[in-house]
Amino acid sequence: MVTASVPEKQVKIGPTQLLINNEWVNSVSDRRFETINPTTGETICEVAEADAADVDKAVQAARNAFTSGEWSKISATRRGELLYKLADLIEQNIDELARLETLDNGKPLSDSLNADKEEHEKLTSSVGFSPE
């Protein structure tokens, strides 16, 4: 079970680009849009705005990663280990993830924490069902 305590503190905003082929990149069009805190109406940050060309690049990168990358060649056991590592990272950063979710969506922090805990639990329970 994941537990979290969320003291009031500033939220760090990470990369605002698109993650394609394991790299942070600007959109093909270089367009950006503001993400707004719905509670205050203030701009949180500007993020890259993806369009069809960006989606095509991301889909092609994912296809290449699956067909010729490491993921399709590793065992289900190793995949499970990596997914558990992801679950551990979520657990270690759950307070920060919940604060970001609350900032972006304006929902109560307790709702964000509960949703993040639920997603963590779904991930850890589903790892055991990875087929060989």
N, C-alpha and C. Protein backbone atom coordinates (compact mmCIF):
# COMPACT_ATOMS: atom_id res chain seq x y z
N MET A 1 0.85 -1.18 0.00
CA MET A 1 0.00 0.00 0.00
C MET A 1 0.89 1.24 0.00
N VAL A 2 0.53 2.21 -0.80
CA VAL A 2 1.28 3.45 -0.91
C VAL A 2 0.70 4.47 0.04
N THR A 3 1.56 5.14 0.78
CA THR A 3 1.11 6.23 1.64
C THR A 3 1.78 7.51 1.17
N ALA A 4 1.15 8.62 1.44
CA ALA A 4 1.71 9.90 1.00
C ALA A 4 1.28 11.00 1.95
N SER A 5 2.16 11.94 2.12
CA SER A 5 1.83 13.15 2.85
C SER A 5 2.23 14.31 1.96
N VAL A 6 1.38 15.31 1.90
CA VAL A 6 1.63 16.39 0.95
C VAL A 6 1.69 17.73 1.66
N PRO A 7 2.89 18.13 2.06
CA PRO A 7 3.02 19.46 2.63
C PRO A 7 2.90 20.50 1.52
N GLU A 8 2.53 21.69 1.92
CA GLU A 8 2.47 22.78 0.94
C GLU A 8 3.87 23.11 0.46
N LYS A 9 4.08 23.06 -0.82
CA LYS A 9 5.35 23.47 -1.38
C LYS A 9 5.20 23.70 -2.87
N GLN A 10 6.16 24.38 -3.43
CA GLN A 10 6.16 24.69 -4.84
C GLN A 10 6.33 23.42 -5.67
N VAL A 11 5.63 23.34 -6.78
CA VAL A 11 5.73 22.19 -7.67
C VAL A 11 6.73 22.51 -8.77
N LYS A 12 7.64 21.58 -9.00
CA LYS A 12 8.63 21.75 -10.07
C LYS A 12 8.02 21.28 -11.38
N ILE A 13 8.07 22.13 -12.39
CA ILE A 13 7.57 21.78 -13.71
C ILE A 13 8.73 21.21 -14.52
N GLY A 14 8.56 20.02 -15.04
CA GLY A 14 9.61 19.36 -15.81
C GLY A 14 9.61 19.80 -17.26
N PRO A 15 10.11 18.95 -18.13
CA PRO A 15 10.17 19.29 -19.55
C PRO A 15 8.79 19.64 -20.10
N THR A 16 8.76 20.57 -21.03
CA THR A 16 7.49 21.00 -21.63
C THR A 16 7.47 20.68 -23.12
N GLN A 17 8.34 19.77 -23.53
CA GLN A 17 8.38 19.35 -24.92
C GLN A 17 7.66 18.01 -25.07
N LEU A 18 7.72 17.45 -26.27
CA LEU A 18 7.13 16.15 -26.54
C LEU A 18 8.19 15.07 -26.34
N LEU A 19 7.82 13.96 -25.77
CA LEU A 19 8.75 12.84 -25.60
C LEU A 19 8.53 11.88 -26.76
N ILE A 20 9.46 11.91 -27.71
CA ILE A 20 9.39 11.06 -28.89
C ILE A 20 10.74 10.37 -29.06
N ASN A 21 10.70 9.07 -29.21
CA ASN A 21 11.91 8.28 -29.40
C ASN A 21 12.89 8.47 -28.24
N ASN A 22 12.33 8.55 -27.05
CA ASN A 22 13.12 8.70 -25.82
C ASN A 22 13.90 10.01 -25.76
N GLU A 23 13.42 11.03 -26.47
CA GLU A 23 14.06 12.35 -26.44
C GLU A 23 12.98 13.42 -26.29
N TRP A 24 13.32 14.47 -25.56
CA TRP A 24 12.43 15.62 -25.45
C TRP A 24 12.68 16.50 -26.67
N VAL A 25 11.62 16.72 -27.47
CA VAL A 25 11.75 17.49 -28.72
C VAL A 25 10.63 18.51 -28.82
N ASN A 26 10.90 19.58 -29.59
CA ASN A 26 9.85 20.54 -29.90
C ASN A 26 8.91 19.91 -30.92
N SER A 27 7.71 20.46 -31.01
CA SER A 27 6.78 19.97 -32.03
C SER A 27 7.31 20.36 -33.41
N VAL A 28 6.89 19.63 -34.43
CA VAL A 28 7.32 19.93 -35.79
C VAL A 28 6.98 21.37 -36.15
N SER A 29 5.81 21.83 -35.73
CA SER A 29 5.35 23.19 -36.05
C SER A 29 5.95 24.25 -35.14
N ASP A 30 6.60 23.83 -34.07
CA ASP A 30 7.10 24.74 -33.02
C ASP A 30 5.99 25.49 -32.29
N ARG A 31 4.73 25.06 -32.48
CA ARG A 31 3.63 25.71 -31.76
C ARG A 31 3.62 25.25 -30.32
N ARG A 32 3.13 26.13 -29.45
CA ARG A 32 3.02 25.84 -28.03
C ARG A 32 1.66 26.34 -27.55
N PHE A 33 1.21 25.83 -26.43
CA PHE A 33 -0.02 26.36 -25.84
C PHE A 33 0.14 26.45 -24.33
N GLU A 34 -0.64 27.34 -23.75
CA GLU A 34 -0.60 27.54 -22.30
C GLU A 34 -1.44 26.47 -21.62
N THR A 35 -0.94 25.96 -20.53
CA THR A 35 -1.77 25.12 -19.67
C THR A 35 -2.12 26.00 -18.46
N ILE A 36 -3.39 26.05 -18.16
CA ILE A 36 -3.93 27.00 -17.19
C ILE A 36 -4.36 26.27 -15.91
N ASN A 37 -4.02 26.85 -14.78
CA ASN A 37 -4.51 26.36 -13.50
C ASN A 37 -5.99 26.74 -13.42
N PRO A 38 -6.91 25.77 -13.45
CA PRO A 38 -8.33 26.11 -13.46
C PRO A 38 -8.82 26.74 -12.16
N THR A 39 -8.08 26.58 -11.10
CA THR A 39 -8.47 27.17 -9.83
C THR A 39 -8.20 28.66 -9.79
N THR A 40 -7.04 29.07 -10.34
CA THR A 40 -6.64 30.48 -10.26
C THR A 40 -6.73 31.20 -11.60
N GLY A 41 -6.80 30.45 -12.69
CA GLY A 41 -6.79 31.06 -14.02
C GLY A 41 -5.40 31.48 -14.48
N GLU A 42 -4.39 31.21 -13.66
CA GLU A 42 -3.02 31.60 -14.01
C GLU A 42 -2.38 30.56 -14.93
N THR A 43 -1.46 31.05 -15.77
CA THR A 43 -0.71 30.15 -16.63
C THR A 43 0.29 29.36 -15.80
N ILE A 44 0.27 28.04 -15.95
CA ILE A 44 1.24 27.18 -15.27
C ILE A 44 2.53 27.18 -16.06
N CYS A 45 2.40 26.91 -17.36
CA CYS A 45 3.55 26.90 -18.26
C CYS A 45 3.02 26.79 -19.69
N GLU A 46 3.93 26.89 -20.64
CA GLU A 46 3.59 26.63 -22.04
C GLU A 46 4.20 25.29 -22.42
N VAL A 47 3.42 24.49 -23.15
CA VAL A 47 3.90 23.17 -23.56
C VAL A 47 3.81 23.03 -25.07
N ALA A 48 4.61 22.11 -25.61
CA ALA A 48 4.60 21.86 -27.05
C ALA A 48 3.22 21.36 -27.48
N GLU A 49 2.77 21.86 -28.61
CA GLU A 49 1.47 21.45 -29.16
C GLU A 49 1.70 20.47 -30.31
N ALA A 50 1.34 19.23 -30.08
CA ALA A 50 1.52 18.19 -31.10
C ALA A 50 0.44 18.29 -32.16
N ASP A 51 0.82 17.93 -33.38
CA ASP A 51 -0.16 17.81 -34.45
C ASP A 51 0.06 16.46 -35.14
N ALA A 52 -0.57 16.25 -36.28
CA ALA A 52 -0.52 14.94 -36.95
C ALA A 52 0.91 14.52 -37.27
N ALA A 53 1.76 15.45 -37.66
CA ALA A 53 3.15 15.10 -37.99
C ALA A 53 3.89 14.58 -36.75
N ASP A 54 3.61 15.16 -35.60
CA ASP A 54 4.24 14.70 -34.36
C ASP A 54 3.71 13.32 -33.97
N VAL A 55 2.43 13.11 -34.15
CA VAL A 55 1.84 11.80 -33.86
C VAL A 55 2.47 10.75 -34.76
N ASP A 56 2.61 11.07 -36.04
CA ASP A 56 3.24 10.12 -36.97
C ASP A 56 4.66 9.78 -36.53
N LYS A 57 5.43 10.79 -36.11
CA LYS A 57 6.79 10.55 -35.63
C LYS A 57 6.79 9.65 -34.39
N ALA A 58 5.88 9.92 -33.48
CA ALA A 58 5.81 9.14 -32.24
C ALA A 58 5.40 7.70 -32.52
N VAL A 59 4.42 7.51 -33.40
CA VAL A 59 3.97 6.16 -33.73
C VAL A 59 5.10 5.39 -34.42
N GLN A 60 5.80 6.03 -35.34
CA GLN A 60 6.91 5.37 -36.02
C GLN A 60 8.02 5.00 -35.04
N ALA A 61 8.33 5.90 -34.12
CA ALA A 61 9.36 5.62 -33.11
C ALA A 61 8.94 4.45 -32.23
N ALA A 62 7.67 4.42 -31.85
CA ALA A 62 7.18 3.32 -31.01
C ALA A 62 7.22 2.00 -31.78
N ARG A 63 6.83 2.05 -33.04
CA ARG A 63 6.87 0.84 -33.87
C ARG A 63 8.29 0.32 -33.99
N ASN A 64 9.23 1.23 -34.27
CA ASN A 64 10.64 0.85 -34.39
C ASN A 64 11.18 0.29 -33.08
N ALA A 65 10.82 0.93 -31.98
CA ALA A 65 11.29 0.47 -30.68
C ALA A 65 10.77 -0.93 -30.38
N PHE A 66 9.54 -1.20 -30.79
CA PHE A 66 8.99 -2.52 -30.52
C PHE A 66 9.60 -3.58 -31.43
N THR A 67 9.70 -3.29 -32.73
CA THR A 67 10.18 -4.32 -33.66
C THR A 67 11.68 -4.52 -33.62
N SER A 68 12.45 -3.46 -33.41
CA SER A 68 13.90 -3.62 -33.41
C SER A 68 14.56 -3.22 -32.11
N GLY A 69 13.78 -2.78 -31.17
CA GLY A 69 14.35 -2.34 -29.90
C GLY A 69 14.45 -3.46 -28.89
N GLU A 70 14.94 -3.11 -27.73
CA GLU A 70 15.21 -4.08 -26.67
C GLU A 70 13.93 -4.69 -26.09
N TRP A 71 12.86 -3.89 -25.97
CA TRP A 71 11.66 -4.33 -25.27
C TRP A 71 11.10 -5.63 -25.84
N SER A 72 11.04 -5.75 -27.16
CA SER A 72 10.45 -6.96 -27.75
C SER A 72 11.34 -8.18 -27.60
N LYS A 73 12.59 -7.97 -27.24
CA LYS A 73 13.55 -9.08 -27.14
C LYS A 73 13.76 -9.57 -25.70
N ILE A 74 13.30 -8.81 -24.72
CA ILE A 74 13.56 -9.22 -23.34
C ILE A 74 12.45 -10.12 -22.83
N SER A 75 12.77 -10.88 -21.82
CA SER A 75 11.81 -11.84 -21.26
C SER A 75 10.70 -11.13 -20.49
N ALA A 76 9.62 -11.85 -20.30
CA ALA A 76 8.51 -11.32 -19.51
C ALA A 76 8.97 -11.02 -18.08
N THR A 77 9.88 -11.83 -17.57
CA THR A 77 10.41 -11.59 -16.22
C THR A 77 11.10 -10.24 -16.15
N ARG A 78 11.95 -9.96 -17.13
CA ARG A 78 12.67 -8.67 -17.14
C ARG A 78 11.70 -7.52 -17.34
N ARG A 79 10.70 -7.70 -18.20
CA ARG A 79 9.68 -6.66 -18.38
C ARG A 79 8.99 -6.37 -17.05
N GLY A 80 8.66 -7.44 -16.34
CA GLY A 80 8.02 -7.27 -15.03
C GLY A 80 8.91 -6.50 -14.07
N GLU A 81 10.21 -6.81 -14.07
CA GLU A 81 11.15 -6.08 -13.21
C GLU A 81 11.17 -4.60 -13.54
N LEU A 82 11.15 -4.29 -14.83
CA LEU A 82 11.16 -2.88 -15.24
C LEU A 82 9.86 -2.18 -14.87
N LEU A 83 8.74 -2.88 -15.00
CA LEU A 83 7.46 -2.28 -14.61
C LEU A 83 7.38 -2.09 -13.10
N TYR A 84 7.94 -3.03 -12.34
CA TYR A 84 8.01 -2.83 -10.88
C TYR A 84 8.89 -1.63 -10.54
N LYS A 85 9.97 -1.43 -11.29
CA LYS A 85 10.82 -0.26 -11.07
C LYS A 85 10.02 1.02 -11.34
N LEU A 86 9.21 1.02 -12.40
CA LEU A 86 8.34 2.16 -12.68
C LEU A 86 7.38 2.38 -11.51
N ALA A 87 6.80 1.31 -11.01
CA ALA A 87 5.88 1.42 -9.87
C ALA A 87 6.60 2.00 -8.65
N ASP A 88 7.83 1.57 -8.42
CA ASP A 88 8.62 2.12 -7.30
C ASP A 88 8.86 3.61 -7.48
N LEU A 89 9.16 4.03 -8.70
CA LEU A 89 9.39 5.45 -8.96
C LEU A 89 8.11 6.26 -8.74
N ILE A 90 6.98 5.70 -9.14
CA ILE A 90 5.70 6.37 -8.88
C ILE A 90 5.49 6.51 -7.38
N GLU A 91 5.74 5.43 -6.65
CA GLU A 91 5.56 5.46 -5.19
C GLU A 91 6.48 6.49 -4.54
N GLN A 92 7.74 6.54 -4.97
CA GLN A 92 8.71 7.48 -4.40
C GLN A 92 8.34 8.93 -4.69
N ASN A 93 7.63 9.18 -5.78
CA ASN A 93 7.33 10.54 -6.21
C ASN A 93 5.84 10.86 -6.18
N ILE A 94 5.09 10.09 -5.40
CA ILE A 94 3.63 10.21 -5.44
C ILE A 94 3.15 11.59 -4.98
N ASP A 95 3.81 12.17 -4.01
CA ASP A 95 3.39 13.50 -3.54
C ASP A 95 3.54 14.53 -4.66
N GLU A 96 4.67 14.51 -5.33
CA GLU A 96 4.93 15.46 -6.42
C GLU A 96 3.96 15.22 -7.58
N LEU A 97 3.72 13.98 -7.93
CA LEU A 97 2.79 13.67 -9.01
C LEU A 97 1.38 14.16 -8.67
N ALA A 98 0.97 13.97 -7.43
CA ALA A 98 -0.36 14.43 -7.01
C ALA A 98 -0.46 15.94 -7.05
N ARG A 99 0.58 16.63 -6.61
CA ARG A 99 0.56 18.10 -6.66
C ARG A 99 0.47 18.60 -8.10
N LEU A 100 1.22 17.97 -9.01
CA LEU A 100 1.15 18.36 -10.42
C LEU A 100 -0.25 18.13 -10.98
N GLU A 101 -0.84 16.99 -10.66
CA GLU A 101 -2.19 16.67 -11.14
C GLU A 101 -3.21 17.68 -10.61
N THR A 102 -3.09 18.03 -9.35
CA THR A 102 -3.99 19.02 -8.76
C THR A 102 -3.81 20.39 -9.40
N LEU A 103 -2.58 20.80 -9.59
CA LEU A 103 -2.29 22.08 -10.22
C LEU A 103 -2.88 22.14 -11.63
N ASP A 104 -2.73 21.07 -12.39
CA ASP A 104 -3.17 21.05 -13.78
C ASP A 104 -4.67 20.90 -13.92
N ASN A 105 -5.32 20.20 -12.99
CA ASN A 105 -6.75 19.90 -13.14
C ASN A 105 -7.65 20.63 -12.16
N GLY A 106 -7.08 21.21 -11.11
CA GLY A 106 -7.89 21.95 -10.16
C GLY A 106 -8.69 21.08 -9.21
N LYS A 107 -8.43 19.78 -9.22
CA LYS A 107 -9.19 18.92 -8.31
C LYS A 107 -8.52 18.89 -6.95
N PRO A 108 -9.24 18.47 -5.93
CA PRO A 108 -8.65 18.43 -4.59
C PRO A 108 -7.42 17.52 -4.54
N LEU A 109 -6.46 17.90 -3.74
CA LEU A 109 -5.23 17.13 -3.61
C LEU A 109 -5.50 15.71 -3.16
N SER A 110 -6.48 15.54 -2.27
CA SER A 110 -6.80 14.19 -1.80
C SER A 110 -7.27 13.31 -2.95
N ASP A 111 -8.02 13.87 -3.89
CA ASP A 111 -8.46 13.10 -5.06
C ASP A 111 -7.27 12.69 -5.91
N SER A 112 -6.33 13.61 -6.11
CA SER A 112 -5.14 13.30 -6.90
C SER A 112 -4.33 12.20 -6.24
N LEU A 113 -4.14 12.31 -4.93
CA LEU A 113 -3.39 11.28 -4.20
C LEU A 113 -4.07 9.92 -4.32
N ASN A 114 -5.39 9.90 -4.13
CA ASN A 114 -6.11 8.63 -4.22
C ASN A 114 -6.01 8.03 -5.62
N ALA A 115 -6.14 8.86 -6.64
CA ALA A 115 -6.04 8.37 -8.02
C ALA A 115 -4.65 7.84 -8.31
N ASP A 116 -3.62 8.54 -7.85
CA ASP A 116 -2.25 8.09 -8.09
C ASP A 116 -1.96 6.79 -7.34
N LYS A 117 -2.46 6.68 -6.12
CA LYS A 117 -2.29 5.43 -5.37
C LYS A 117 -2.98 4.28 -6.09
N GLU A 118 -4.17 4.55 -6.60
CA GLU A 118 -4.93 3.52 -7.31
C GLU A 118 -4.17 3.08 -8.57
N GLU A 119 -3.62 4.03 -9.31
CA GLU A 119 -2.86 3.67 -10.52
C GLU A 119 -1.61 2.88 -10.16
N HIS A 120 -0.96 3.25 -9.07
CA HIS A 120 0.21 2.50 -8.61
C HIS A 120 -0.18 1.06 -8.30
N GLU A 121 -1.28 0.89 -7.59
CA GLU A 121 -1.74 -0.45 -7.23
C GLU A 121 -2.13 -1.27 -8.46
N LYS A 122 -2.77 -0.63 -9.44
CA LYS A 122 -3.12 -1.33 -10.68
C LYS A 122 -1.86 -1.80 -11.40
N LEU A 123 -0.86 -0.93 -11.46
CA LEU A 123 0.39 -1.29 -12.14
C LEU A 123 1.06 -2.46 -11.44
N THR A 124 1.20 -2.39 -10.12
CA THR A 124 1.90 -3.47 -9.42
C THR A 124 1.12 -4.78 -9.50
N SER A 125 -0.20 -4.73 -9.47
CA SER A 125 -0.97 -5.98 -9.53
C SER A 125 -0.99 -6.55 -10.94
N SER A 126 -0.92 -5.71 -11.96
CA SER A 126 -0.96 -6.22 -13.34
C SER A 126 0.37 -6.79 -13.80
N VAL A 127 1.46 -6.41 -13.17
CA VAL A 127 2.78 -6.91 -13.58
C VAL A 127 2.84 -8.42 -13.47
N GLY A 128 2.20 -8.98 -12.48
CA GLY A 128 2.21 -10.43 -12.30
C GLY A 128 1.51 -11.19 -13.41
N PHE A 129 0.75 -10.48 -14.25
CA PHE A 129 0.01 -11.13 -15.32
C PHE A 129 0.67 -10.98 -16.67
N SER A 130 1.94 -10.52 -16.73
CA SER A 130 2.64 -10.35 -18.00
C SER A 130 2.88 -11.72 -18.63
N PRO A 131 2.37 -11.93 -19.85
CA PRO A 131 2.58 -13.23 -20.49
C PRO A 131 4.01 -13.39 -20.97
N GLU A 132 4.50 -14.62 -20.99
CA GLU A 132 5.87 -14.92 -21.47
C GLU A 132 5.91 -14.82 -22.98
